[in-house]
């Protein structure tokens, strides 16, 4: 009985699309702020808080503040702190 080779489903590095967290980070690094509805519209991201959690776990200092929408709802808005990543690189 011959053994079968292991299959790898990983895509080569050159074919990978940026992750949602990576695209959101780039948006924040450009000086923008983002809410959940903006994340849904711009990045098709239904779980912004989860992506923010991932970025914080990587060492990015992301500030959160509560803002009021035009309809009177209060939502979280995220932005990068002045000094960000664990290495303290400025934005």
N, C-alpha and C. Protein backbone atom coordinates (compact mmCIF):
# COMPACT_ATOMS: atom_id res chain seq x y z
N UNK A 1 0.84 -1.17 0.00
CA UNK A 1 0.00 0.00 0.00
C UNK A 1 0.89 1.24 0.00
N UNK A 2 0.67 2.11 -0.98
CA UNK A 2 1.48 3.32 -1.06
C UNK A 2 0.79 4.46 -0.33
N UNK A 3 1.58 5.31 0.27
CA UNK A 3 0.99 6.45 0.98
C UNK A 3 0.79 7.61 0.01
N UNK A 4 -0.22 8.38 0.25
CA UNK A 4 -0.51 9.53 -0.60
C UNK A 4 0.24 10.73 -0.08
N UNK A 5 0.67 11.60 -0.99
CA UNK A 5 1.35 12.81 -0.54
C UNK A 5 0.36 13.72 0.18
N UNK A 6 0.90 14.49 1.11
CA UNK A 6 0.05 15.44 1.82
C UNK A 6 -0.32 16.58 0.88
N UNK A 7 -1.55 16.98 0.94
CA UNK A 7 -2.02 18.08 0.12
C UNK A 7 -1.92 19.38 0.90
N UNK A 8 -1.53 20.43 0.23
CA UNK A 8 -1.46 21.74 0.85
C UNK A 8 -2.42 22.66 0.12
N UNK A 9 -3.29 23.29 0.89
CA UNK A 9 -4.26 24.20 0.31
C UNK A 9 -3.87 25.66 0.48
N UNK A 10 -2.70 25.89 1.03
CA UNK A 10 -2.24 27.27 1.23
C UNK A 10 -1.92 27.89 -0.12
N UNK A 11 -2.28 29.14 -0.28
CA UNK A 11 -1.98 29.86 -1.51
C UNK A 11 -0.57 30.43 -1.43
N UNK A 12 0.11 30.54 -2.56
CA UNK A 12 1.43 31.17 -2.54
C UNK A 12 1.32 32.62 -2.07
N UNK A 13 2.37 33.10 -1.45
CA UNK A 13 2.38 34.46 -0.90
C UNK A 13 2.03 35.51 -1.95
N UNK A 14 2.41 35.32 -3.18
CA UNK A 14 2.19 36.33 -4.21
C UNK A 14 0.72 36.44 -4.60
N UNK A 15 -0.11 35.46 -4.25
CA UNK A 15 -1.50 35.46 -4.66
C UNK A 15 -2.44 35.85 -3.52
N UNK A 16 -1.92 36.17 -2.38
CA UNK A 16 -2.77 36.47 -1.23
C UNK A 16 -3.32 37.89 -1.32
N UNK A 17 -4.60 38.02 -1.04
CA UNK A 17 -5.22 39.33 -0.93
C UNK A 17 -4.98 39.85 0.47
N UNK A 18 -4.89 41.15 0.63
CA UNK A 18 -4.75 41.68 1.99
C UNK A 18 -5.96 41.28 2.83
N UNK A 19 -5.73 41.01 4.09
CA UNK A 19 -6.82 40.64 4.98
C UNK A 19 -7.68 41.86 5.27
N UNK A 20 -8.87 41.62 5.80
CA UNK A 20 -9.72 42.74 6.20
C UNK A 20 -8.99 43.58 7.25
N UNK A 21 -8.36 42.92 8.22
CA UNK A 21 -7.65 43.66 9.26
C UNK A 21 -6.53 44.50 8.64
N UNK A 22 -5.84 43.96 7.65
CA UNK A 22 -4.77 44.70 6.99
C UNK A 22 -5.29 45.91 6.22
N UNK A 23 -6.42 45.75 5.56
CA UNK A 23 -7.01 46.87 4.82
C UNK A 23 -7.53 47.94 5.79
N UNK A 24 -8.11 47.51 6.89
CA UNK A 24 -8.60 48.46 7.90
C UNK A 24 -7.42 49.19 8.52
N UNK A 25 -6.33 48.48 8.81
CA UNK A 25 -5.15 49.12 9.37
C UNK A 25 -4.60 50.17 8.41
N UNK A 26 -4.52 49.86 7.15
CA UNK A 26 -4.03 50.83 6.16
C UNK A 26 -4.93 52.06 6.14
N UNK A 27 -6.22 51.86 6.24
CA UNK A 27 -7.17 52.97 6.26
C UNK A 27 -6.95 53.84 7.50
N UNK A 28 -6.75 53.20 8.65
CA UNK A 28 -6.49 53.95 9.89
C UNK A 28 -5.14 54.66 9.83
N UNK A 29 -4.14 54.02 9.27
CA UNK A 29 -2.80 54.62 9.18
C UNK A 29 -2.80 55.83 8.26
N UNK A 30 -3.77 55.91 7.37
CA UNK A 30 -3.88 57.08 6.49
C UNK A 30 -4.53 58.26 7.22
N UNK A 31 -4.82 58.08 8.52
CA UNK A 31 -5.37 59.16 9.32
C UNK A 31 -6.88 59.16 9.43
N UNK A 32 -7.52 58.12 8.95
CA UNK A 32 -8.98 58.05 8.98
C UNK A 32 -9.49 57.44 10.28
N UNK A 33 -10.74 57.70 10.56
CA UNK A 33 -11.47 57.06 11.65
C UNK A 33 -12.49 56.14 11.01
N UNK A 34 -12.96 55.11 11.75
CA UNK A 34 -13.91 54.18 11.15
C UNK A 34 -14.93 53.69 12.17
N UNK A 35 -16.16 53.54 11.69
CA UNK A 35 -17.25 52.95 12.47
C UNK A 35 -17.63 51.63 11.81
N UNK A 36 -18.47 50.87 12.49
CA UNK A 36 -18.88 49.57 11.96
C UNK A 36 -19.60 49.70 10.62
N UNK A 37 -20.45 50.71 10.47
CA UNK A 37 -21.18 50.86 9.20
C UNK A 37 -20.22 51.24 8.08
N UNK A 38 -19.20 52.05 8.37
CA UNK A 38 -18.20 52.39 7.36
C UNK A 38 -17.38 51.16 6.98
N UNK A 39 -17.05 50.34 7.97
CA UNK A 39 -16.29 49.11 7.69
C UNK A 39 -17.09 48.17 6.80
N UNK A 40 -18.39 48.11 7.03
CA UNK A 40 -19.24 47.27 6.19
C UNK A 40 -19.28 47.81 4.76
N UNK A 41 -19.43 49.11 4.62
CA UNK A 41 -19.52 49.71 3.30
C UNK A 41 -18.19 49.65 2.54
N UNK A 42 -17.09 49.95 3.20
CA UNK A 42 -15.79 50.03 2.53
C UNK A 42 -15.10 48.68 2.35
N UNK A 43 -15.22 47.81 3.37
CA UNK A 43 -14.43 46.58 3.37
C UNK A 43 -15.27 45.31 3.46
N UNK A 44 -16.60 45.45 3.39
CA UNK A 44 -17.50 44.31 3.53
C UNK A 44 -17.20 43.54 4.83
N UNK A 45 -16.90 44.28 5.88
CA UNK A 45 -16.53 43.71 7.18
C UNK A 45 -17.72 43.82 8.12
N UNK A 46 -18.28 42.68 8.51
CA UNK A 46 -19.42 42.65 9.41
C UNK A 46 -18.99 42.70 10.88
N UNK A 47 -17.71 42.43 11.16
CA UNK A 47 -17.26 42.32 12.55
C UNK A 47 -16.05 43.22 12.80
N UNK A 48 -16.26 44.53 12.73
CA UNK A 48 -15.17 45.47 12.92
C UNK A 48 -14.52 45.30 14.29
N UNK A 49 -15.30 45.12 15.34
CA UNK A 49 -14.72 44.99 16.68
C UNK A 49 -13.75 43.81 16.75
N UNK A 50 -14.04 42.74 16.04
CA UNK A 50 -13.15 41.58 16.02
C UNK A 50 -11.84 41.91 15.30
N UNK A 51 -11.95 42.64 14.17
CA UNK A 51 -10.74 43.04 13.45
C UNK A 51 -9.91 44.00 14.30
N UNK A 52 -10.55 44.92 15.02
CA UNK A 52 -9.84 45.85 15.90
C UNK A 52 -9.14 45.06 17.01
N UNK A 53 -9.81 44.06 17.55
CA UNK A 53 -9.21 43.21 18.58
C UNK A 53 -7.94 42.52 18.05
N UNK A 54 -8.00 42.01 16.83
CA UNK A 54 -6.83 41.37 16.22
C UNK A 54 -5.67 42.36 16.10
N UNK A 55 -5.97 43.58 15.65
CA UNK A 55 -4.92 44.59 15.48
C UNK A 55 -4.33 44.98 16.83
N UNK A 56 -5.17 45.11 17.84
CA UNK A 56 -4.66 45.43 19.18
C UNK A 56 -3.78 44.31 19.71
N UNK A 57 -4.17 43.09 19.44
CA UNK A 57 -3.38 41.92 19.88
C UNK A 57 -2.00 41.92 19.22
N UNK A 58 -1.91 42.48 18.01
CA UNK A 58 -0.63 42.59 17.31
C UNK A 58 0.21 43.76 17.83
N UNK A 59 -0.37 44.59 18.69
CA UNK A 59 0.38 45.69 19.28
C UNK A 59 -0.01 47.07 18.82
N UNK A 60 -0.99 47.19 17.93
CA UNK A 60 -1.42 48.49 17.47
C UNK A 60 -2.30 49.14 18.53
N UNK A 61 -2.01 50.39 18.85
CA UNK A 61 -2.78 51.13 19.85
C UNK A 61 -3.91 51.87 19.14
N UNK A 62 -5.09 51.34 19.30
CA UNK A 62 -6.26 51.88 18.62
C UNK A 62 -7.19 52.47 19.67
N UNK A 63 -7.54 53.73 19.44
CA UNK A 63 -8.43 54.43 20.36
C UNK A 63 -9.88 54.21 19.95
N UNK A 64 -10.74 54.21 20.94
CA UNK A 64 -12.17 54.04 20.69
C UNK A 64 -12.92 55.17 21.40
N UNK A 65 -13.84 55.75 20.67
CA UNK A 65 -14.69 56.76 21.30
C UNK A 65 -16.12 56.54 20.80
N UNK A 66 -17.06 57.02 21.57
CA UNK A 66 -18.47 56.88 21.20
C UNK A 66 -18.92 58.15 20.48
N UNK A 67 -19.54 57.96 19.32
CA UNK A 67 -20.06 59.09 18.55
C UNK A 67 -21.55 58.86 18.32
N UNK A 68 -22.25 59.94 18.07
CA UNK A 68 -23.68 59.85 17.81
C UNK A 68 -23.93 60.00 16.31
N UNK A 69 -24.74 59.11 15.76
CA UNK A 69 -25.07 59.17 14.34
C UNK A 69 -26.16 60.22 14.11
N UNK A 70 -26.45 60.49 12.85
CA UNK A 70 -27.51 61.45 12.52
C UNK A 70 -28.87 61.01 13.06
N UNK A 71 -29.07 59.71 13.18
CA UNK A 71 -30.36 59.20 13.68
C UNK A 71 -30.40 59.15 15.21
N UNK A 72 -29.31 59.56 15.86
CA UNK A 72 -29.29 59.60 17.32
C UNK A 72 -28.72 58.36 17.98
N UNK A 73 -28.32 57.37 17.19
CA UNK A 73 -27.71 56.16 17.75
C UNK A 73 -26.27 56.45 18.15
N UNK A 74 -25.82 55.80 19.21
CA UNK A 74 -24.42 55.95 19.62
C UNK A 74 -23.65 54.70 19.19
N UNK A 75 -22.52 54.92 18.53
CA UNK A 75 -21.70 53.83 18.00
C UNK A 75 -20.22 54.09 18.32
N UNK A 76 -19.43 53.04 18.26
CA UNK A 76 -17.99 53.16 18.48
C UNK A 76 -17.32 53.63 17.21
N UNK A 77 -16.35 54.53 17.38
CA UNK A 77 -15.53 55.00 16.26
C UNK A 77 -14.08 54.75 16.65
N UNK A 78 -13.32 54.15 15.75
CA UNK A 78 -11.94 53.76 16.04
C UNK A 78 -10.96 54.61 15.24
N UNK A 79 -9.81 54.88 15.87
CA UNK A 79 -8.71 55.58 15.19
C UNK A 79 -7.41 55.12 15.82
N UNK A 80 -6.31 55.36 15.12
CA UNK A 80 -5.01 55.02 15.67
C UNK A 80 -4.57 56.08 16.67
N UNK A 81 -3.90 55.65 17.72
CA UNK A 81 -3.30 56.58 18.67
C UNK A 81 -2.13 57.26 17.97
N UNK A 82 -1.66 58.38 18.52
CA UNK A 82 -0.55 59.12 17.92
C UNK A 82 0.68 58.23 17.76
N UNK A 83 1.08 57.54 18.82
CA UNK A 83 2.12 56.52 18.73
C UNK A 83 1.39 55.20 18.67
N UNK A 84 1.78 54.37 17.70
CA UNK A 84 0.97 53.20 17.48
C UNK A 84 1.66 51.90 17.86
N UNK A 85 2.20 51.23 16.96
CA UNK A 85 2.66 49.86 17.11
C UNK A 85 3.59 49.70 18.31
N UNK A 86 3.78 48.47 18.74
CA UNK A 86 4.59 48.17 19.92
C UNK A 86 5.98 48.81 19.84
N UNK A 87 6.51 48.99 18.63
CA UNK A 87 7.82 49.63 18.47
C UNK A 87 7.75 51.13 18.64
N UNK A 88 6.52 51.69 18.76
CA UNK A 88 6.35 53.11 18.94
C UNK A 88 6.55 53.93 17.68
N UNK A 89 6.31 53.33 16.53
CA UNK A 89 6.46 54.06 15.27
C UNK A 89 5.35 55.07 15.15
N UNK A 90 5.67 56.33 14.85
CA UNK A 90 4.60 57.30 14.65
C UNK A 90 3.81 57.00 13.39
N UNK A 91 2.58 57.45 13.37
CA UNK A 91 1.71 57.24 12.21
C UNK A 91 2.24 58.01 11.03
